[in-house]
Amino acid sequence: MRPIGVFVADDHGLIREAIRLALAAEPDIEIVAEAERGDEVLPRVRECCPDVVLLDLRMPGMQGLDVLDRLRGECPDTKVAMLSAVDDPEIAADALRRGAVAYLGKRIDPATLVPTIRQIADGTITAETFALLEPAGQAAARHADLSPRETQMLMRLADGRSNREIARELWLSEHTVKYHLTNVYRKIGVRGRTEAARYAFEHALAGRS
């Protein structure tokens, strides 16, 4: 059986990487292409004809809902699930009215994301039956060893900020940020930024900064 083809459109590289890692062990799901700008999505979808598009709500080049409108017009067989850091029922309802079949928070647990993609692909989840998927809410105990400052940094790292950007937002030096992130990696048992982003995604920290 052909694997489910998934297209990931998100302007944060670490979010794309976290999704890629979350799906890597699934033999029936394959990421066929990615995009970091909204205006790149439609041409690439035409080329690879994915079954499911995970589409960020806010992207440079073209906003996600505008991309959704074009996808529904030109690629009606491709199912689109919106990705957003904003848990806003009105925005979700608008996306569903415009043709999305799901509206997923970026904090969605990978254990929920994988079966959700399967259900979207096989038609089990539709705009009529979809309910907003809330975060698991159990992340606090899993990252309890992180200080509030370290948690802030991990959230920003997961959302794609560089050390320089984190330093500017938190009024710190880049050296201090690097020092704290080294402690974060040690505490959560990872080897670098990509694995840390995956940890944040799995523990409901991505998309919260």
N, C-alpha and C. Protein backbone atom coordinates (compact mmCIF):
# COMPACT_ATOMS: atom_id res chain seq x y z
N MET A 1 0.85 -1.20 0.00
CA MET A 1 0.00 0.00 0.00
C MET A 1 0.88 1.25 0.00
N ARG A 2 0.52 2.23 -0.80
CA ARG A 2 1.28 3.47 -0.87
C ARG A 2 1.17 4.24 0.44
N PRO A 3 2.29 4.76 0.96
CA PRO A 3 2.21 5.52 2.21
C PRO A 3 1.44 6.82 2.03
N ILE A 4 0.92 7.34 3.11
CA ILE A 4 0.23 8.63 3.11
C ILE A 4 1.27 9.72 2.86
N GLY A 5 1.07 10.49 1.81
CA GLY A 5 1.99 11.58 1.49
C GLY A 5 1.61 12.84 2.25
N VAL A 6 2.54 13.36 3.04
CA VAL A 6 2.28 14.54 3.87
C VAL A 6 3.19 15.69 3.42
N PHE A 7 2.60 16.86 3.27
CA PHE A 7 3.33 18.09 2.93
C PHE A 7 3.30 18.98 4.17
N VAL A 8 4.46 19.44 4.61
CA VAL A 8 4.55 20.26 5.82
C VAL A 8 4.93 21.69 5.42
N ALA A 9 4.06 22.64 5.73
CA ALA A 9 4.31 24.05 5.42
C ALA A 9 4.34 24.84 6.72
N ASP A 10 5.52 25.25 7.13
CA ASP A 10 5.69 26.04 8.36
C ASP A 10 6.98 26.84 8.23
N ASP A 11 6.94 28.09 8.63
CA ASP A 11 8.13 28.93 8.46
C ASP A 11 9.18 28.70 9.54
N HIS A 12 8.89 27.91 10.54
CA HIS A 12 9.88 27.59 11.57
C HIS A 12 10.52 26.25 11.24
N GLY A 13 11.82 26.30 10.92
CA GLY A 13 12.51 25.08 10.55
C GLY A 13 12.52 24.03 11.64
N LEU A 14 12.59 24.45 12.88
CA LEU A 14 12.63 23.49 13.97
C LEU A 14 11.28 22.80 14.17
N ILE A 15 10.20 23.50 13.86
CA ILE A 15 8.88 22.86 13.92
C ILE A 15 8.78 21.80 12.82
N ARG A 16 9.25 22.16 11.61
CA ARG A 16 9.23 21.17 10.52
C ARG A 16 10.06 19.95 10.90
N GLU A 17 11.23 20.20 11.49
CA GLU A 17 12.09 19.10 11.90
C GLU A 17 11.43 18.25 12.98
N ALA A 18 10.76 18.88 13.92
CA ALA A 18 10.09 18.13 14.97
C ALA A 18 8.99 17.23 14.39
N ILE A 19 8.23 17.77 13.43
CA ILE A 19 7.20 16.96 12.79
C ILE A 19 7.84 15.82 12.01
N ARG A 20 8.93 16.13 11.31
CA ARG A 20 9.63 15.10 10.54
C ARG A 20 10.09 13.96 11.45
N LEU A 21 10.65 14.32 12.58
CA LEU A 21 11.12 13.30 13.52
C LEU A 21 9.95 12.51 14.12
N ALA A 22 8.84 13.20 14.38
CA ALA A 22 7.68 12.52 14.95
C ALA A 22 7.10 11.49 14.00
N LEU A 23 7.24 11.73 12.69
CA LEU A 23 6.65 10.83 11.69
C LEU A 23 7.65 9.83 11.14
N ALA A 24 8.93 9.98 11.48
CA ALA A 24 9.97 9.18 10.85
C ALA A 24 9.81 7.69 11.06
N ALA A 25 9.26 7.30 12.20
CA ALA A 25 9.15 5.87 12.51
C ALA A 25 7.87 5.23 11.97
N GLU A 26 7.07 6.01 11.25
CA GLU A 26 5.78 5.49 10.76
C GLU A 26 5.91 5.04 9.31
N PRO A 27 5.90 3.74 9.03
CA PRO A 27 6.12 3.26 7.67
C PRO A 27 5.01 3.62 6.70
N ASP A 28 3.83 3.94 7.23
CA ASP A 28 2.70 4.25 6.35
C ASP A 28 2.51 5.75 6.13
N ILE A 29 3.44 6.57 6.65
CA ILE A 29 3.36 8.02 6.47
C ILE A 29 4.71 8.51 5.96
N GLU A 30 4.67 9.33 4.91
CA GLU A 30 5.90 9.84 4.31
C GLU A 30 5.77 11.34 4.06
N ILE A 31 6.74 12.12 4.53
CA ILE A 31 6.76 13.54 4.20
C ILE A 31 7.33 13.68 2.80
N VAL A 32 6.52 14.17 1.88
CA VAL A 32 6.91 14.23 0.48
C VAL A 32 7.53 15.56 0.10
N ALA A 33 7.24 16.62 0.86
CA ALA A 33 7.81 17.94 0.56
C ALA A 33 7.54 18.87 1.73
N GLU A 34 8.27 19.99 1.73
CA GLU A 34 8.10 20.99 2.77
C GLU A 34 8.16 22.38 2.14
N ALA A 35 7.65 23.37 2.86
CA ALA A 35 7.75 24.76 2.43
C ALA A 35 7.85 25.63 3.66
N GLU A 36 8.58 26.74 3.54
CA GLU A 36 8.69 27.68 4.65
C GLU A 36 8.02 29.02 4.35
N ARG A 37 7.50 29.16 3.13
CA ARG A 37 6.77 30.38 2.74
C ARG A 37 5.42 29.98 2.16
N GLY A 38 4.42 30.81 2.42
CA GLY A 38 3.10 30.51 1.91
C GLY A 38 3.02 30.47 0.40
N ASP A 39 3.76 31.36 -0.27
CA ASP A 39 3.69 31.39 -1.73
C ASP A 39 4.44 30.25 -2.40
N GLU A 40 5.12 29.41 -1.61
CA GLU A 40 5.78 28.23 -2.16
C GLU A 40 4.88 27.00 -2.16
N VAL A 41 3.80 27.07 -1.40
CA VAL A 41 3.01 25.86 -1.14
C VAL A 41 2.32 25.33 -2.38
N LEU A 42 1.53 26.17 -3.04
CA LEU A 42 0.71 25.69 -4.15
C LEU A 42 1.56 25.09 -5.27
N PRO A 43 2.64 25.75 -5.74
CA PRO A 43 3.44 25.13 -6.80
C PRO A 43 4.00 23.77 -6.40
N ARG A 44 4.42 23.63 -5.16
CA ARG A 44 5.00 22.35 -4.73
C ARG A 44 3.93 21.29 -4.53
N VAL A 45 2.76 21.69 -4.08
CA VAL A 45 1.67 20.73 -3.95
C VAL A 45 1.27 20.21 -5.33
N ARG A 46 1.25 21.09 -6.33
CA ARG A 46 0.95 20.64 -7.69
C ARG A 46 1.94 19.58 -8.15
N GLU A 47 3.20 19.73 -7.76
CA GLU A 47 4.24 18.81 -8.20
C GLU A 47 4.15 17.45 -7.52
N CYS A 48 3.90 17.44 -6.21
CA CYS A 48 4.01 16.17 -5.47
C CYS A 48 2.67 15.54 -5.11
N CYS A 49 1.58 16.27 -5.26
CA CYS A 49 0.23 15.73 -5.03
C CYS A 49 0.11 14.98 -3.69
N PRO A 50 0.34 15.65 -2.57
CA PRO A 50 0.26 14.97 -1.27
C PRO A 50 -1.18 14.62 -0.91
N ASP A 51 -1.32 13.67 -0.01
CA ASP A 51 -2.65 13.34 0.51
C ASP A 51 -3.10 14.35 1.56
N VAL A 52 -2.15 14.80 2.38
CA VAL A 52 -2.45 15.71 3.49
C VAL A 52 -1.44 16.85 3.50
N VAL A 53 -1.93 18.07 3.66
CA VAL A 53 -1.06 19.23 3.86
C VAL A 53 -1.25 19.73 5.28
N LEU A 54 -0.14 19.83 6.02
CA LEU A 54 -0.14 20.48 7.33
C LEU A 54 0.30 21.92 7.09
N LEU A 55 -0.61 22.86 7.24
CA LEU A 55 -0.40 24.23 6.77
C LEU A 55 -0.42 25.22 7.93
N ASP A 56 0.70 25.90 8.13
CA ASP A 56 0.80 26.91 9.19
C ASP A 56 -0.17 28.06 8.91
N LEU A 57 -0.81 28.53 9.95
CA LEU A 57 -1.77 29.62 9.80
C LEU A 57 -1.09 30.92 9.38
N ARG A 58 0.08 31.18 9.93
CA ARG A 58 0.78 32.44 9.66
C ARG A 58 2.13 32.15 9.03
N MET A 59 2.29 32.57 7.78
CA MET A 59 3.53 32.33 7.05
C MET A 59 3.90 33.57 6.25
N PRO A 60 5.19 33.78 5.99
CA PRO A 60 5.58 34.87 5.09
C PRO A 60 5.21 34.54 3.66
N GLY A 61 5.07 35.56 2.84
CA GLY A 61 4.77 35.34 1.43
C GLY A 61 3.29 35.26 1.14
N MET A 62 2.56 34.49 1.92
CA MET A 62 1.11 34.37 1.81
C MET A 62 0.59 33.72 3.08
N GLN A 63 -0.45 34.29 3.66
CA GLN A 63 -1.00 33.75 4.90
C GLN A 63 -1.67 32.40 4.65
N GLY A 64 -1.70 31.58 5.71
CA GLY A 64 -2.20 30.23 5.58
C GLY A 64 -3.61 30.12 5.06
N LEU A 65 -4.51 30.98 5.51
CA LEU A 65 -5.91 30.90 5.05
C LEU A 65 -6.03 31.25 3.57
N ASP A 66 -5.18 32.16 3.08
CA ASP A 66 -5.19 32.47 1.65
C ASP A 66 -4.65 31.30 0.85
N VAL A 67 -3.62 30.64 1.38
CA VAL A 67 -3.11 29.43 0.73
C VAL A 67 -4.19 28.36 0.71
N LEU A 68 -4.91 28.23 1.82
CA LEU A 68 -6.00 27.26 1.90
C LEU A 68 -7.03 27.49 0.81
N ASP A 69 -7.43 28.74 0.61
CA ASP A 69 -8.41 29.06 -0.43
C ASP A 69 -7.93 28.58 -1.79
N ARG A 70 -6.67 28.82 -2.10
CA ARG A 70 -6.14 28.42 -3.41
C ARG A 70 -6.03 26.90 -3.53
N LEU A 71 -5.62 26.25 -2.45
CA LEU A 71 -5.54 24.79 -2.49
C LEU A 71 -6.91 24.17 -2.71
N ARG A 72 -7.93 24.69 -2.04
CA ARG A 72 -9.26 24.13 -2.21
C ARG A 72 -9.75 24.34 -3.63
N GLY A 73 -9.35 25.44 -4.25
CA GLY A 73 -9.78 25.70 -5.62
C GLY A 73 -9.06 24.86 -6.65
N GLU A 74 -7.76 24.63 -6.45
CA GLU A 74 -6.95 23.96 -7.47
C GLU A 74 -6.63 22.50 -7.15
N CYS A 75 -6.64 22.12 -5.89
CA CYS A 75 -6.28 20.75 -5.50
C CYS A 75 -7.34 20.21 -4.53
N PRO A 76 -8.57 20.08 -5.00
CA PRO A 76 -9.67 19.74 -4.08
C PRO A 76 -9.54 18.37 -3.42
N ASP A 77 -8.74 17.46 -4.01
CA ASP A 77 -8.61 16.13 -3.42
C ASP A 77 -7.59 16.08 -2.28
N THR A 78 -6.78 17.13 -2.17
CA THR A 78 -5.79 17.18 -1.09
C THR A 78 -6.44 17.71 0.18
N LYS A 79 -6.29 16.98 1.25
CA LYS A 79 -6.89 17.38 2.53
C LYS A 79 -5.92 18.29 3.28
N VAL A 80 -6.44 19.38 3.83
CA VAL A 80 -5.61 20.39 4.48
C VAL A 80 -5.96 20.47 5.96
N ALA A 81 -4.94 20.37 6.80
CA ALA A 81 -5.09 20.59 8.24
C ALA A 81 -4.27 21.82 8.61
N MET A 82 -4.90 22.78 9.25
CA MET A 82 -4.20 23.99 9.65
C MET A 82 -3.39 23.73 10.92
N LEU A 83 -2.20 24.31 10.96
CA LEU A 83 -1.35 24.29 12.16
C LEU A 83 -1.31 25.69 12.74
N SER A 84 -1.50 25.80 14.03
CA SER A 84 -1.48 27.14 14.62
C SER A 84 -1.04 27.10 16.07
N ALA A 85 -0.33 28.15 16.48
CA ALA A 85 0.00 28.34 17.89
C ALA A 85 -1.13 29.03 18.63
N VAL A 86 -2.17 29.43 17.89
CA VAL A 86 -3.29 30.18 18.46
C VAL A 86 -4.50 29.26 18.61
N ASP A 87 -4.93 29.01 19.83
CA ASP A 87 -6.12 28.20 20.07
C ASP A 87 -7.34 29.11 20.09
N ASP A 88 -7.78 29.51 18.91
CA ASP A 88 -8.87 30.47 18.78
C ASP A 88 -10.04 29.80 18.06
N PRO A 89 -11.15 29.53 18.74
CA PRO A 89 -12.28 28.85 18.10
C PRO A 89 -12.82 29.57 16.88
N GLU A 90 -12.79 30.90 16.88
CA GLU A 90 -13.31 31.65 15.73
C GLU A 90 -12.43 31.45 14.50
N ILE A 91 -11.11 31.50 14.70
CA ILE A 91 -10.19 31.26 13.58
C ILE A 91 -10.34 29.82 13.10
N ALA A 92 -10.45 28.89 14.04
CA ALA A 92 -10.63 27.48 13.67
C ALA A 92 -11.90 27.29 12.86
N ALA A 93 -12.99 27.90 13.31
CA ALA A 93 -14.26 27.76 12.59
C ALA A 93 -14.16 28.35 11.19
N ASP A 94 -13.47 29.48 11.06
CA ASP A 94 -13.29 30.09 9.74
C ASP A 94 -12.49 29.17 8.83
N ALA A 95 -11.42 28.57 9.36
CA ALA A 95 -10.61 27.65 8.56
C ALA A 95 -11.43 26.45 8.10
N LEU A 96 -12.25 25.91 8.98
CA LEU A 96 -13.08 24.76 8.62
C LEU A 96 -14.13 25.15 7.58
N ARG A 97 -14.70 26.34 7.71
CA ARG A 97 -15.67 26.81 6.70
C ARG A 97 -15.02 26.96 5.34
N ARG A 98 -13.75 27.32 5.34
CA ARG A 98 -13.05 27.56 4.08
C ARG A 98 -12.46 26.29 3.48
N GLY A 99 -12.66 25.16 4.14
CA GLY A 99 -12.27 23.90 3.51
C GLY A 99 -11.22 23.08 4.22
N ALA A 100 -10.66 23.58 5.32
CA ALA A 100 -9.74 22.74 6.10
C ALA A 100 -10.54 21.61 6.75
N VAL A 101 -9.90 20.46 6.91
CA VAL A 101 -10.60 19.35 7.57
C VAL A 101 -10.21 19.23 9.03
N ALA A 102 -9.20 20.00 9.46
CA ALA A 102 -8.79 19.96 10.86
C ALA A 102 -8.01 21.23 11.18
N TYR A 103 -7.99 21.56 12.45
CA TYR A 103 -7.26 22.73 12.96
C TYR A 103 -6.48 22.24 14.17
N LEU A 104 -5.17 22.12 14.01
CA LEU A 104 -4.33 21.48 15.02
C LEU A 104 -3.43 22.49 15.70
N GLY A 105 -3.40 22.46 17.02
CA GLY A 105 -2.44 23.28 17.74
C GLY A 105 -1.03 22.75 17.53
N LYS A 106 -0.05 23.66 17.45
CA LYS A 106 1.33 23.21 17.31
C LYS A 106 1.81 22.46 18.54
N ARG A 107 1.06 22.53 19.62
CA ARG A 107 1.43 21.81 20.83
C ARG A 107 0.87 20.38 20.84
N ILE A 108 0.27 19.96 19.76
CA ILE A 108 -0.31 18.62 19.71
C ILE A 108 0.76 17.57 19.97
N ASP A 109 0.43 16.60 20.78
CA ASP A 109 1.33 15.51 21.11
C ASP A 109 1.55 14.65 19.86
N PRO A 110 2.81 14.26 19.55
CA PRO A 110 3.04 13.38 18.41
C PRO A 110 2.22 12.10 18.46
N ALA A 111 1.96 11.60 19.67
CA ALA A 111 1.14 10.39 19.81
C ALA A 111 -0.29 10.63 19.33
N THR A 112 -0.71 11.88 19.30
CA THR A 112 -2.02 12.24 18.76
C THR A 112 -1.91 12.63 17.29
N LEU A 113 -0.81 13.30 16.93
CA LEU A 113 -0.64 13.75 15.55
C LEU A 113 -0.65 12.60 14.56
N VAL A 114 0.05 11.52 14.88
CA VAL A 114 0.17 10.40 13.94
C VAL A 114 -1.18 9.79 13.60
N PRO A 115 -2.00 9.37 14.57
CA PRO A 115 -3.31 8.83 14.20
C PRO A 115 -4.23 9.87 13.58
N THR A 116 -4.05 11.14 13.95
CA THR A 116 -4.88 12.19 13.34
C THR A 116 -4.59 12.29 11.85
N ILE A 117 -3.32 12.22 11.46
CA ILE A 117 -2.98 12.25 10.03
C ILE A 117 -3.61 11.07 9.32
N ARG A 118 -3.57 9.90 9.93
CA ARG A 118 -4.18 8.72 9.30
C ARG A 118 -5.69 8.92 9.13
N GLN A 119 -6.33 9.48 10.15
CA GLN A 119 -7.78 9.70 10.08
C GLN A 119 -8.13 10.76 9.05
N ILE A 120 -7.31 11.79 8.93
CA ILE A 120 -7.56 12.80 7.90
C ILE A 120 -7.44 12.17 6.53
N ALA A 121 -6.39 11.36 6.32
CA ALA A 121 -6.16 10.77 5.01
C ALA A 121 -7.27 9.81 4.60
N ASP A 122 -7.78 9.03 5.56
CA ASP A 122 -8.81 8.05 5.17
C ASP A 122 -10.23 8.60 5.26
N GLY A 123 -10.35 9.89 5.63
CA GLY A 123 -11.67 10.51 5.64
C GLY A 123 -12.43 10.34 6.93
N THR A 124 -11.80 9.72 7.95
CA THR A 124 -12.48 9.56 9.23
C THR A 124 -12.72 10.90 9.91
N ILE A 125 -11.73 11.80 9.80
CA ILE A 125 -11.89 13.16 10.30
C ILE A 125 -12.26 14.06 9.14
N THR A 126 -13.36 14.77 9.27
CA THR A 126 -13.78 15.74 8.27
C THR A 126 -14.09 17.05 9.00
N ALA A 127 -14.34 18.08 8.23
CA ALA A 127 -14.67 19.38 8.84
C ALA A 127 -15.92 19.27 9.70
N GLU A 128 -16.82 18.37 9.34
CA GLU A 128 -18.08 18.24 10.07
C GLU A 128 -17.89 17.51 11.40
N THR A 129 -16.92 16.61 11.47
CA THR A 129 -16.76 15.80 12.68
C THR A 129 -15.60 16.24 13.55
N PHE A 130 -14.77 17.14 13.03
CA PHE A 130 -13.54 17.50 13.74
C PHE A 130 -13.82 18.33 14.98
N ALA A 131 -13.17 18.00 16.08
CA ALA A 131 -13.19 18.81 17.30
C ALA A 131 -11.77 19.26 17.59
N LEU A 132 -11.59 20.46 18.10
CA LEU A 132 -10.24 20.96 18.37
C LEU A 132 -9.50 20.01 19.30
N LEU A 133 -8.28 19.69 18.91
CA LEU A 133 -7.46 18.81 19.73
C LEU A 133 -6.66 19.65 20.71
N GLU A 134 -6.93 19.48 21.97
CA GLU A 134 -6.26 20.26 23.00
C GLU A 134 -4.93 19.61 23.36
N PRO A 135 -3.99 20.38 23.88
CA PRO A 135 -2.73 19.81 24.34
C PRO A 135 -2.98 18.77 25.43
N ALA A 136 -2.05 17.85 25.55
CA ALA A 136 -2.20 16.79 26.54
C ALA A 136 -2.25 17.34 27.96
N GLY A 137 -1.57 18.44 28.21
CA GLY A 137 -1.63 19.08 29.51
C GLY A 137 -0.82 18.41 30.59
N GLN A 138 -0.01 17.45 30.19
CA GLN A 138 0.78 16.73 31.18
C GLN A 138 2.26 17.07 31.07
N ALA A 139 2.58 18.14 30.37
CA ALA A 139 3.98 18.44 30.10
C ALA A 139 4.73 18.89 31.34
N ALA A 140 4.05 19.57 32.28
CA ALA A 140 4.76 20.20 33.39
C ALA A 140 5.62 19.20 34.16
N ALA A 141 5.06 18.04 34.43
CA ALA A 141 5.82 17.06 35.21
C ALA A 141 7.03 16.54 34.45
N ARG A 142 6.93 16.57 33.11
CA ARG A 142 8.00 16.02 32.31
C ARG A 142 9.18 16.96 32.19
N HIS A 143 8.95 18.26 32.33
CA HIS A 143 10.08 19.20 32.25
C HIS A 143 10.23 19.99 33.55
N ALA A 144 9.86 19.35 34.69
CA ALA A 144 9.88 20.04 35.98
C ALA A 144 11.27 20.44 36.42
N ASP A 145 12.30 19.78 35.90
CA ASP A 145 13.66 20.11 36.31
C ASP A 145 14.17 21.40 35.67
N LEU A 146 13.47 21.92 34.69
CA LEU A 146 13.91 23.16 34.05
C LEU A 146 13.47 24.36 34.87
N SER A 147 14.36 25.32 35.00
CA SER A 147 13.99 26.57 35.66
C SER A 147 13.04 27.36 34.76
N PRO A 148 12.32 28.34 35.30
CA PRO A 148 11.46 29.17 34.45
C PRO A 148 12.23 29.81 33.30
N ARG A 149 13.45 30.29 33.55
CA ARG A 149 14.26 30.90 32.50
C ARG A 149 14.63 29.88 31.43
N GLU A 150 15.00 28.67 31.85
CA GLU A 150 15.35 27.62 30.89
C GLU A 150 14.14 27.21 30.06
N THR A 151 12.98 27.17 30.70
CA THR A 151 11.76 26.84 29.97
C THR A 151 11.45 27.90 28.93
N GLN A 152 11.62 29.17 29.28
CA GLN A 152 11.42 30.26 28.31
C GLN A 152 12.33 30.08 27.11
N MET A 153 13.57 29.75 27.36
CA MET A 153 14.53 29.59 26.27
C MET A 153 14.18 28.40 25.38
N LEU A 154 13.78 27.30 26.01
CA LEU A 154 13.41 26.11 25.24
C LEU A 154 12.21 26.39 24.36
N MET A 155 11.22 27.10 24.88
CA MET A 155 10.04 27.44 24.08
C MET A 155 10.44 28.29 22.88
N ARG A 156 11.33 29.25 23.08
CA ARG A 156 11.74 30.12 21.98
C ARG A 156 12.60 29.36 20.97
N LEU A 157 13.46 28.49 21.45
CA LEU A 157 14.24 27.65 20.54
C LEU A 157 13.31 26.81 19.67
N ALA A 158 12.30 26.20 20.29
CA ALA A 158 11.37 25.35 19.56
C ALA A 158 10.58 26.13 18.52
N ASP A 159 10.36 27.41 18.75
CA ASP A 159 9.63 28.24 17.80
C ASP A 159 10.54 28.86 16.75
N GLY A 160 11.80 28.43 16.73
CA GLY A 160 12.68 28.81 15.64
C GLY A 160 13.59 30.00 15.89
N ARG A 161 13.63 30.52 17.11
CA ARG A 161 14.50 31.65 17.38
C ARG A 161 15.97 31.23 17.45
N SER A 162 16.84 32.10 16.95
CA SER A 162 18.27 31.90 17.10
C SER A 162 18.70 32.33 18.50
N ASN A 163 19.93 31.99 18.87
CA ASN A 163 20.44 32.45 20.17
C ASN A 163 20.41 33.97 20.27
N ARG A 164 20.74 34.64 19.19
CA ARG A 164 20.74 36.10 19.20
C ARG A 164 19.33 36.64 19.44
N GLU A 165 18.34 36.03 18.78
CA GLU A 165 16.95 36.49 18.96
C GLU A 165 16.46 36.22 20.38
N ILE A 166 16.82 35.05 20.92
CA ILE A 166 16.43 34.74 22.30
C ILE A 166 17.07 35.75 23.26
N ALA A 167 18.34 36.04 23.03
CA ALA A 167 19.04 37.00 23.90
C ALA A 167 18.37 38.36 23.86
N ARG A 168 17.99 38.80 22.67
CA ARG A 168 17.36 40.11 22.54
C ARG A 168 16.01 40.13 23.24
N GLU A 169 15.22 39.07 23.08
CA GLU A 169 13.88 39.04 23.69
C GLU A 169 13.94 38.96 25.21
N LEU A 170 14.95 38.29 25.74
CA LEU A 170 15.04 38.09 27.19
C LEU A 170 16.03 39.04 27.85
N TRP A 171 16.59 39.97 27.08
CA TRP A 171 17.52 40.95 27.62
C TRP A 171 18.73 40.27 28.26
N LEU A 172 19.31 39.34 27.53
CA LEU A 172 20.48 38.61 27.99
C LEU A 172 21.58 38.68 26.93
N SER A 173 22.78 38.28 27.30
CA SER A 173 23.85 38.15 26.31
C SER A 173 23.72 36.80 25.60
N GLU A 174 24.27 36.72 24.38
CA GLU A 174 24.25 35.45 23.67
C GLU A 174 25.02 34.39 24.45
N HIS A 175 26.09 34.80 25.12
CA HIS A 175 26.87 33.85 25.92
C HIS A 175 26.01 33.23 27.03
N THR A 176 25.19 34.07 27.67
CA THR A 176 24.31 33.57 28.74
C THR A 176 23.28 32.60 28.17
N VAL A 177 22.73 32.94 27.01
CA VAL A 177 21.75 32.06 26.37
C VAL A 177 22.39 30.71 26.05
N LYS A 178 23.58 30.75 25.47
CA LYS A 178 24.27 29.50 25.13
C LYS A 178 24.52 28.67 26.38
N TYR A 179 24.92 29.31 27.46
CA TYR A 179 25.17 28.61 28.72
C TYR A 179 23.90 27.93 29.23
N HIS A 180 22.79 28.68 29.24
CA HIS A 180 21.54 28.12 29.73
C HIS A 180 21.06 26.98 28.83
N LEU A 181 21.18 27.14 27.52
CA LEU A 181 20.72 26.08 26.62
C LEU A 181 21.56 24.82 26.78
N THR A 182 22.85 24.98 27.06
CA THR A 182 23.67 23.80 27.35
C THR A 182 23.13 23.05 28.56
N ASN A 183 22.70 23.79 29.58
CA ASN A 183 22.09 23.16 30.75
C ASN A 183 20.76 22.49 30.39
N VAL A 184 19.98 23.15 29.53
CA VAL A 184 18.71 22.58 29.09
C VAL A 184 18.95 21.24 28.40
N TYR A 185 19.90 21.21 27.44
CA TYR A 185 20.19 19.97 26.73
C TYR A 185 20.56 18.85 27.70
N ARG A 186 21.38 19.20 28.70
CA ARG A 186 21.81 18.19 29.67
C ARG A 186 20.62 17.68 30.49
N LYS A 187 19.76 18.58 30.93
CA LYS A 187 18.65 18.20 31.80
C LYS A 187 17.62 17.33 31.08
N ILE A 188 17.37 17.63 29.81
CA ILE A 188 16.34 16.87 29.10
C ILE A 188 16.93 15.72 28.29
N GLY A 189 18.27 15.59 28.34
CA GLY A 189 18.92 14.43 27.73
C GLY A 189 18.98 14.45 26.23
N VAL A 190 19.26 15.62 25.64
CA VAL A 190 19.37 15.72 24.19
C VAL A 190 20.75 16.25 23.82
N ARG A 191 21.07 16.20 22.50
CA ARG A 191 22.41 16.56 22.06
C ARG A 191 22.49 17.88 21.31
N GLY A 192 21.38 18.51 21.05
CA GLY A 192 21.44 19.77 20.32
C GLY A 192 20.08 20.37 20.08
N ARG A 193 20.04 21.41 19.23
CA ARG A 193 18.83 22.19 19.02
C ARG A 193 17.69 21.37 18.43
N THR A 194 18.01 20.53 17.45
CA THR A 194 16.95 19.77 16.78
C THR A 194 16.27 18.81 17.75
N GLU A 195 17.07 18.09 18.54
CA GLU A 195 16.49 17.16 19.51
C GLU A 195 15.74 17.93 20.60
N ALA A 196 16.25 19.10 20.96
CA ALA A 196 15.55 19.91 21.97
C ALA A 196 14.21 20.38 21.43
N ALA A 197 14.16 20.75 20.14
CA ALA A 197 12.89 21.17 19.54
C ALA A 197 11.91 20.01 19.52
N ARG A 198 12.41 18.82 19.24
CA ARG A 198 11.52 17.66 19.26
C ARG A 198 10.97 17.43 20.66
N TYR A 199 11.84 17.54 21.67
CA TYR A 199 11.40 17.40 23.06
C TYR A 199 10.29 18.41 23.37
N ALA A 200 10.51 19.66 22.95
CA ALA A 200 9.51 20.71 23.21
C ALA A 200 8.19 20.39 22.52
N PHE A 201 8.28 19.89 21.30
CA PHE A 201 7.07 19.52 20.55
C PHE A 201 6.32 18.40 21.27
N GLU A 202 7.07 17.41 21.76
CA GLU A 202 6.45 16.26 22.41
C GLU A 202 5.88 16.59 23.79
N HIS A 203 6.41 17.66 24.40
CA HIS A 203 5.98 18.00 25.76
C HIS A 203 5.19 19.29 25.81
N ALA A 204 4.55 19.61 24.69
CA ALA A 204 3.58 20.72 24.65
C ALA A 204 4.20 22.08 24.95
N LEU A 205 5.46 22.28 24.53
CA LEU A 205 6.12 23.57 24.74
C LEU A 205 6.27 24.36 23.45
N ALA A 206 6.23 23.71 22.30
CA ALA A 206 6.38 24.42 21.03
C ALA A 206 5.16 25.28 20.77
N GLY A 207 5.39 26.45 20.17
CA GLY A 207 4.29 27.34 19.82
C GLY A 207 3.74 28.14 20.97
N ARG A 208 4.47 28.23 22.10
CA ARG A 208 3.95 28.93 23.27
C ARG A 208 4.71 30.20 23.59
N SER A 209 5.79 30.49 22.86
CA SER A 209 6.59 31.67 23.20
C SER A 209 6.01 32.92 22.57
